Each structure stands twice: as C-alpha cells, then as structure tokens.
Amino acid sequence: MKLRASGEDYLETILVLHKKTGMVRSVDVARHMEVSKPSVCHAVATLRDGGFLTMDEDHFLHLTDVGREVAEKIYERHCFFTEQLITAGVDPKTAEADACRIEHIISDESFDRLKEAAEQEQN
C-alpha cells in the first residue's frame, strides 16, 4: 500500500507521541495534529487495514514493524530538514512547516546525498 503524505504524517505523529508518553490514543493524535477525531478515526482505519498500525482492546495505537519503519524514515527527514533550514537562518516555525512538506516529496537518493554532504561538512 502506497501512503500519501497525510498517512505518513499520522504515522510520524504516533511515533513522536509514543516516544514522549509511551501510550497513544486517537484523541492524542487529533490534539497534536489539530484535526478532528473523525479524521483520525478514518486515518487509523486506513492505516490499520494497510498493516501500518494496530489498536489494542484499550484503544491504544501501536505501530507495526512496517509502520515504525515508515514513521522513523519520515521523522528522520523532518528533523534533518528542520535543522538544516534553521541553521540556514530560516525562522524555526517556518522551517518546521517547510520540513513537513519537503520530507514527503524528496526521493531517497536525494535525501541520502544531502545527508552525506551535511555529514561531510561537519567533519
């Protein structure tokens, strides 16, 4: 199943919230993303059907191995681009918003090359 940017955003949010609190429910995702609970319910159903997450009997959300892999990839890109843009002098709020868009459209090859270049620059 090919994910859209919104699906990747949901997975990334679940990952981030799980790292912060250890437990994630749909209402937490709705609050964090500033979207409606029905939107989250629809996304959760789609992601669950795609094998990216599960929901336990207490309604806590858990990423599957595939879901975690996608979420970690998106989160790594998000952090990288946010940091790079802030370092370049972009306002942090703007950098965060721009990174959120860039993380979904850049190819793996381009991201890997940019990451390598940034690492070489630091050394």
N, C-alpha and C. Protein backbone atom coordinates (compact mmCIF):
# COMPACT_ATOMS: atom_id res chain seq x y z
N MET A 1 0.85 -1.19 0.00
CA MET A 1 0.00 0.00 0.00
C MET A 1 0.88 1.24 0.00
N LYS A 2 0.65 2.11 -0.96
CA LYS A 2 1.39 3.37 -1.05
C LYS A 2 0.72 4.40 -0.16
N LEU A 3 1.51 5.00 0.71
CA LEU A 3 0.96 6.01 1.62
C LEU A 3 1.00 7.40 1.02
N ARG A 4 0.01 8.17 1.34
CA ARG A 4 0.01 9.59 0.99
C ARG A 4 0.72 10.34 2.10
N ALA A 5 1.00 11.62 1.85
CA ALA A 5 1.69 12.45 2.85
C ALA A 5 0.91 12.47 4.16
N SER A 6 -0.41 12.53 4.09
CA SER A 6 -1.20 12.58 5.32
C SER A 6 -1.04 11.31 6.14
N GLY A 7 -0.99 10.16 5.49
CA GLY A 7 -0.78 8.91 6.20
C GLY A 7 0.58 8.88 6.87
N GLU A 8 1.59 9.37 6.16
CA GLU A 8 2.93 9.46 6.75
C GLU A 8 2.93 10.40 7.95
N ASP A 9 2.18 11.50 7.85
CA ASP A 9 2.10 12.44 8.98
C ASP A 9 1.47 11.79 10.21
N TYR A 10 0.44 10.98 9.99
CA TYR A 10 -0.19 10.28 11.12
C TYR A 10 0.79 9.31 11.76
N LEU A 11 1.52 8.54 10.95
CA LEU A 11 2.48 7.60 11.50
C LEU A 11 3.58 8.32 12.27
N GLU A 12 4.06 9.42 11.70
CA GLU A 12 5.10 10.21 12.36
C GLU A 12 4.59 10.76 13.70
N THR A 13 3.38 11.24 13.71
CA THR A 13 2.79 11.78 14.95
C THR A 13 2.66 10.68 16.01
N ILE A 14 2.21 9.51 15.61
CA ILE A 14 2.08 8.40 16.56
C ILE A 14 3.45 8.05 17.12
N LEU A 15 4.47 8.02 16.27
CA LEU A 15 5.83 7.73 16.73
C LEU A 15 6.30 8.77 17.74
N VAL A 16 6.14 10.04 17.40
CA VAL A 16 6.60 11.13 18.28
C VAL A 16 5.85 11.09 19.62
N LEU A 17 4.55 10.93 19.58
CA LEU A 17 3.77 10.88 20.82
C LEU A 17 4.14 9.66 21.65
N HIS A 18 4.39 8.54 21.00
CA HIS A 18 4.78 7.33 21.73
C HIS A 18 6.13 7.54 22.42
N LYS A 19 7.05 8.21 21.74
CA LYS A 19 8.35 8.49 22.35
C LYS A 19 8.21 9.41 23.57
N LYS A 20 7.25 10.34 23.50
CA LYS A 20 7.05 11.29 24.60
C LYS A 20 6.30 10.68 25.78
N THR A 21 5.24 9.94 25.50
CA THR A 21 4.35 9.49 26.58
C THR A 21 4.28 7.99 26.77
N GLY A 22 4.72 7.23 25.77
CA GLY A 22 4.67 5.78 25.88
C GLY A 22 3.35 5.16 25.44
N MET A 23 2.27 5.95 25.42
CA MET A 23 0.96 5.44 25.02
C MET A 23 0.28 6.49 24.15
N VAL A 24 -0.42 6.03 23.12
CA VAL A 24 -1.06 6.95 22.19
C VAL A 24 -2.48 6.48 21.88
N ARG A 25 -3.41 7.40 22.00
CA ARG A 25 -4.80 7.15 21.58
C ARG A 25 -5.14 8.12 20.46
N SER A 26 -6.23 7.82 19.79
CA SER A 26 -6.66 8.66 18.67
C SER A 26 -6.86 10.12 19.10
N VAL A 27 -7.39 10.33 20.28
CA VAL A 27 -7.63 11.69 20.75
C VAL A 27 -6.33 12.47 20.91
N ASP A 28 -5.25 11.77 21.30
CA ASP A 28 -3.93 12.41 21.41
C ASP A 28 -3.44 12.86 20.04
N VAL A 29 -3.65 12.02 19.06
CA VAL A 29 -3.25 12.33 17.69
C VAL A 29 -4.05 13.54 17.18
N ALA A 30 -5.35 13.53 17.43
CA ALA A 30 -6.21 14.64 16.99
C ALA A 30 -5.74 15.96 17.60
N ARG A 31 -5.45 15.94 18.89
CA ARG A 31 -4.97 17.16 19.56
C ARG A 31 -3.64 17.63 18.99
N HIS A 32 -2.72 16.70 18.85
CA HIS A 32 -1.37 17.06 18.38
C HIS A 32 -1.40 17.61 16.95
N MET A 33 -2.19 17.00 16.09
CA MET A 33 -2.23 17.40 14.69
C MET A 33 -3.25 18.51 14.43
N GLU A 34 -4.05 18.81 15.45
CA GLU A 34 -5.11 19.82 15.32
C GLU A 34 -6.08 19.46 14.19
N VAL A 35 -6.55 18.20 14.24
CA VAL A 35 -7.55 17.71 13.30
C VAL A 35 -8.70 17.12 14.09
N SER A 36 -9.79 16.83 13.41
CA SER A 36 -10.96 16.30 14.10
C SER A 36 -10.77 14.82 14.45
N LYS A 37 -11.49 14.39 15.46
CA LYS A 37 -11.45 12.98 15.87
C LYS A 37 -11.93 12.08 14.73
N PRO A 38 -13.01 12.44 13.98
CA PRO A 38 -13.41 11.60 12.85
C PRO A 38 -12.32 11.46 11.78
N SER A 39 -11.53 12.52 11.56
CA SER A 39 -10.43 12.43 10.60
C SER A 39 -9.40 11.41 11.06
N VAL A 40 -9.10 11.43 12.36
CA VAL A 40 -8.14 10.47 12.91
C VAL A 40 -8.70 9.06 12.81
N CYS A 41 -9.98 8.88 13.13
CA CYS A 41 -10.60 7.56 13.06
C CYS A 41 -10.52 6.99 11.64
N HIS A 42 -10.77 7.82 10.66
CA HIS A 42 -10.68 7.39 9.26
C HIS A 42 -9.24 7.01 8.91
N ALA A 43 -8.29 7.85 9.30
CA ALA A 43 -6.88 7.57 9.01
C ALA A 43 -6.41 6.30 9.73
N VAL A 44 -6.80 6.14 10.98
CA VAL A 44 -6.42 4.95 11.73
C VAL A 44 -6.96 3.69 11.06
N ALA A 45 -8.20 3.73 10.62
CA ALA A 45 -8.78 2.57 9.95
C ALA A 45 -8.00 2.24 8.67
N THR A 46 -7.67 3.25 7.91
CA THR A 46 -6.92 3.05 6.67
C THR A 46 -5.53 2.48 6.96
N LEU A 47 -4.85 3.06 7.96
CA LEU A 47 -3.50 2.60 8.30
C LEU A 47 -3.53 1.20 8.92
N ARG A 48 -4.56 0.90 9.66
CA ARG A 48 -4.71 -0.44 10.24
C ARG A 48 -4.93 -1.46 9.12
N ASP A 49 -5.81 -1.12 8.17
CA ASP A 49 -6.07 -2.01 7.03
C ASP A 49 -4.81 -2.23 6.18
N GLY A 50 -3.96 -1.21 6.13
CA GLY A 50 -2.72 -1.30 5.36
C GLY A 50 -1.59 -2.01 6.09
N GLY A 51 -1.82 -2.36 7.35
CA GLY A 51 -0.81 -3.07 8.12
C GLY A 51 0.23 -2.19 8.78
N PHE A 52 -0.07 -0.89 8.91
CA PHE A 52 0.89 0.04 9.48
C PHE A 52 0.74 0.22 10.99
N LEU A 53 -0.44 -0.08 11.51
CA LEU A 53 -0.64 0.04 12.95
C LEU A 53 -1.73 -0.89 13.43
N THR A 54 -1.75 -1.07 14.73
CA THR A 54 -2.80 -1.87 15.37
C THR A 54 -3.40 -1.04 16.50
N MET A 55 -4.57 -1.47 16.95
CA MET A 55 -5.21 -0.84 18.10
C MET A 55 -5.56 -1.95 19.07
N ASP A 56 -5.15 -1.78 20.33
CA ASP A 56 -5.45 -2.82 21.31
C ASP A 56 -6.84 -2.64 21.91
N GLU A 57 -7.20 -3.52 22.83
CA GLU A 57 -8.55 -3.51 23.41
C GLU A 57 -8.84 -2.24 24.22
N ASP A 58 -7.78 -1.55 24.65
CA ASP A 58 -7.96 -0.29 25.37
C ASP A 58 -7.89 0.93 24.45
N HIS A 59 -7.88 0.68 23.14
CA HIS A 59 -7.86 1.71 22.10
C HIS A 59 -6.55 2.47 22.00
N PHE A 60 -5.45 1.87 22.48
CA PHE A 60 -4.13 2.46 22.28
C PHE A 60 -3.61 2.05 20.92
N LEU A 61 -2.93 2.97 20.26
CA LEU A 61 -2.39 2.74 18.92
C LEU A 61 -0.95 2.25 19.03
N HIS A 62 -0.60 1.27 18.21
CA HIS A 62 0.74 0.71 18.19
C HIS A 62 1.19 0.57 16.74
N LEU A 63 2.37 1.06 16.43
CA LEU A 63 2.92 0.91 15.09
C LEU A 63 3.38 -0.52 14.89
N THR A 64 3.11 -1.07 13.72
CA THR A 64 3.68 -2.37 13.36
C THR A 64 5.13 -2.13 12.95
N ASP A 65 5.86 -3.18 12.66
CA ASP A 65 7.25 -3.02 12.22
C ASP A 65 7.31 -2.17 10.96
N VAL A 66 6.39 -2.42 10.03
CA VAL A 66 6.35 -1.65 8.78
C VAL A 66 5.99 -0.19 9.08
N GLY A 67 5.00 0.02 9.94
CA GLY A 67 4.59 1.38 10.30
C GLY A 67 5.70 2.14 10.99
N ARG A 68 6.44 1.46 11.88
CA ARG A 68 7.55 2.10 12.58
C ARG A 68 8.66 2.47 11.60
N GLU A 69 8.93 1.60 10.65
CA GLU A 69 9.96 1.87 9.64
C GLU A 69 9.62 3.13 8.84
N VAL A 70 8.38 3.22 8.40
CA VAL A 70 7.94 4.41 7.64
C VAL A 70 8.01 5.65 8.52
N ALA A 71 7.51 5.54 9.75
CA ALA A 71 7.48 6.68 10.66
C ALA A 71 8.89 7.17 10.98
N GLU A 72 9.82 6.25 11.24
CA GLU A 72 11.20 6.63 11.55
C GLU A 72 11.86 7.33 10.36
N LYS A 73 11.58 6.84 9.17
CA LYS A 73 12.14 7.44 7.95
C LYS A 73 11.64 8.88 7.79
N ILE A 74 10.35 9.08 7.95
CA ILE A 74 9.76 10.41 7.80
C ILE A 74 10.26 11.33 8.90
N TYR A 75 10.33 10.83 10.13
CA TYR A 75 10.78 11.63 11.27
C TYR A 75 12.25 12.04 11.10
N GLU A 76 13.07 11.13 10.60
CA GLU A 76 14.48 11.47 10.35
C GLU A 76 14.58 12.61 9.34
N ARG A 77 13.81 12.52 8.28
CA ARG A 77 13.83 13.57 7.26
C ARG A 77 13.32 14.89 7.84
N HIS A 78 12.26 14.81 8.61
CA HIS A 78 11.69 16.01 9.23
C HIS A 78 12.73 16.71 10.10
N CYS A 79 13.37 15.96 10.96
CA CYS A 79 14.38 16.54 11.85
C CYS A 79 15.55 17.11 11.05
N PHE A 80 16.01 16.38 10.04
CA PHE A 80 17.13 16.83 9.22
C PHE A 80 16.82 18.16 8.54
N PHE A 81 15.68 18.22 7.86
CA PHE A 81 15.35 19.45 7.13
C PHE A 81 15.05 20.61 8.06
N THR A 82 14.40 20.35 9.18
CA THR A 82 14.15 21.42 10.15
C THR A 82 15.47 22.00 10.62
N GLU A 83 16.39 21.13 10.99
CA GLU A 83 17.71 21.58 11.48
C GLU A 83 18.48 22.35 10.41
N GLN A 84 18.48 21.82 9.19
CA GLN A 84 19.21 22.48 8.10
C GLN A 84 18.64 23.87 7.80
N LEU A 85 17.33 23.98 7.78
CA LEU A 85 16.70 25.26 7.48
C LEU A 85 16.94 26.28 8.61
N ILE A 86 16.86 25.83 9.84
CA ILE A 86 17.14 26.74 10.97
C ILE A 86 18.59 27.19 10.93
N THR A 87 19.50 26.27 10.64
CA THR A 87 20.93 26.61 10.53
C THR A 87 21.16 27.62 9.42
N ALA A 88 20.37 27.54 8.37
CA ALA A 88 20.49 28.48 7.24
C ALA A 88 19.85 29.84 7.54
N GLY A 89 19.22 29.97 8.71
CA GLY A 89 18.65 31.24 9.11
C GLY A 89 17.15 31.37 8.95
N VAL A 90 16.49 30.29 8.63
CA VAL A 90 15.04 30.32 8.48
C VAL A 90 14.40 30.33 9.87
N ASP A 91 13.34 31.12 10.02
CA ASP A 91 12.59 31.16 11.27
C ASP A 91 12.17 29.73 11.65
N PRO A 92 12.35 29.33 12.92
CA PRO A 92 12.04 27.95 13.31
C PRO A 92 10.63 27.48 12.97
N LYS A 93 9.65 28.34 13.11
CA LYS A 93 8.27 27.95 12.79
C LYS A 93 8.12 27.68 11.28
N THR A 94 8.72 28.53 10.47
CA THR A 94 8.70 28.35 9.02
C THR A 94 9.49 27.11 8.63
N ALA A 95 10.65 26.92 9.28
CA ALA A 95 11.48 25.74 8.99
C ALA A 95 10.72 24.46 9.28
N GLU A 96 9.99 24.44 10.38
CA GLU A 96 9.20 23.26 10.77
C GLU A 96 8.13 22.96 9.71
N ALA A 97 7.44 24.00 9.28
CA ALA A 97 6.37 23.82 8.29
C ALA A 97 6.94 23.39 6.94
N ASP A 98 8.04 24.00 6.53
CA ASP A 98 8.66 23.64 5.25
C ASP A 98 9.21 22.22 5.28
N ALA A 99 9.84 21.85 6.40
CA ALA A 99 10.39 20.50 6.54
C ALA A 99 9.28 19.46 6.42
N CYS A 100 8.12 19.78 6.94
CA CYS A 100 6.98 18.87 6.89
C CYS A 100 6.54 18.61 5.44
N ARG A 101 6.70 19.60 4.59
CA ARG A 101 6.35 19.40 3.18
C ARG A 101 7.48 18.68 2.42
N ILE A 102 8.72 19.09 2.68
CA ILE A 102 9.86 18.52 1.97
C ILE A 102 10.01 17.03 2.25
N GLU A 103 9.78 16.63 3.50
CA GLU A 103 10.01 15.25 3.92
C GLU A 103 9.23 14.23 3.10
N HIS A 104 8.13 14.65 2.51
CA HIS A 104 7.27 13.72 1.76
C HIS A 104 7.62 13.61 0.28
N ILE A 105 8.25 14.64 -0.27
CA ILE A 105 8.43 14.65 -1.72
C ILE A 105 9.84 14.32 -2.19
N ILE A 106 10.81 14.41 -1.30
CA ILE A 106 12.18 14.17 -1.72
C ILE A 106 12.42 12.67 -1.93
N SER A 107 13.19 12.35 -2.95
CA SER A 107 13.50 10.94 -3.22
C SER A 107 14.50 10.42 -2.19
N ASP A 108 14.54 9.12 -2.05
CA ASP A 108 15.52 8.51 -1.14
C ASP A 108 16.94 8.88 -1.56
N GLU A 109 17.20 8.83 -2.87
CA GLU A 109 18.54 9.13 -3.36
C GLU A 109 18.95 10.57 -3.01
N SER A 110 18.07 11.52 -3.28
CA SER A 110 18.40 12.92 -2.98
C SER A 110 18.60 13.15 -1.49
N PHE A 111 17.74 12.55 -0.67
CA PHE A 111 17.89 12.71 0.77
C PHE A 111 19.21 12.11 1.25
N ASP A 112 19.54 10.92 0.76
CA ASP A 112 20.79 10.28 1.17
C ASP A 112 22.01 11.13 0.80
N ARG A 113 21.99 11.72 -0.39
CA ARG A 113 23.12 12.55 -0.83
C ARG A 113 23.22 13.83 0.01
N LEU A 114 22.08 14.46 0.29
CA LEU A 114 22.10 15.66 1.13
C LEU A 114 22.59 15.35 2.54
N LYS A 115 22.15 14.23 3.07
CA LYS A 115 22.57 13.82 4.41
C LYS A 115 24.08 13.55 4.44
N GLU A 116 24.57 12.85 3.43
CA GLU A 116 26.01 12.57 3.33
C GLU A 116 26.80 13.88 3.23
N ALA A 117 26.32 14.80 2.41
CA ALA A 117 27.01 16.09 2.24
C ALA A 117 27.04 16.86 3.55
N ALA A 118 25.95 16.84 4.28
CA ALA A 118 25.89 17.54 5.56
C ALA A 118 26.84 16.90 6.57
N GLU A 119 26.92 15.58 6.57
CA GLU A 119 27.83 14.88 7.49
C GLU A 119 29.29 15.16 7.15
N GLN A 120 29.61 15.21 5.85
CA GLN A 120 30.98 15.53 5.43
C GLN A 120 31.36 16.96 5.79
N GLU A 121 30.39 17.85 5.69
CA GLU A 121 30.61 19.26 6.03
C GLU A 121 30.93 19.43 7.51
N GLN A 122 30.31 18.58 8.34
CA GLN A 122 30.53 18.66 9.79
C GLN A 122 31.90 18.13 10.18
N ASN A 123 32.46 17.25 9.36
CA ASN A 123 33.78 16.66 9.68
C ASN A 123 34.91 17.48 9.20
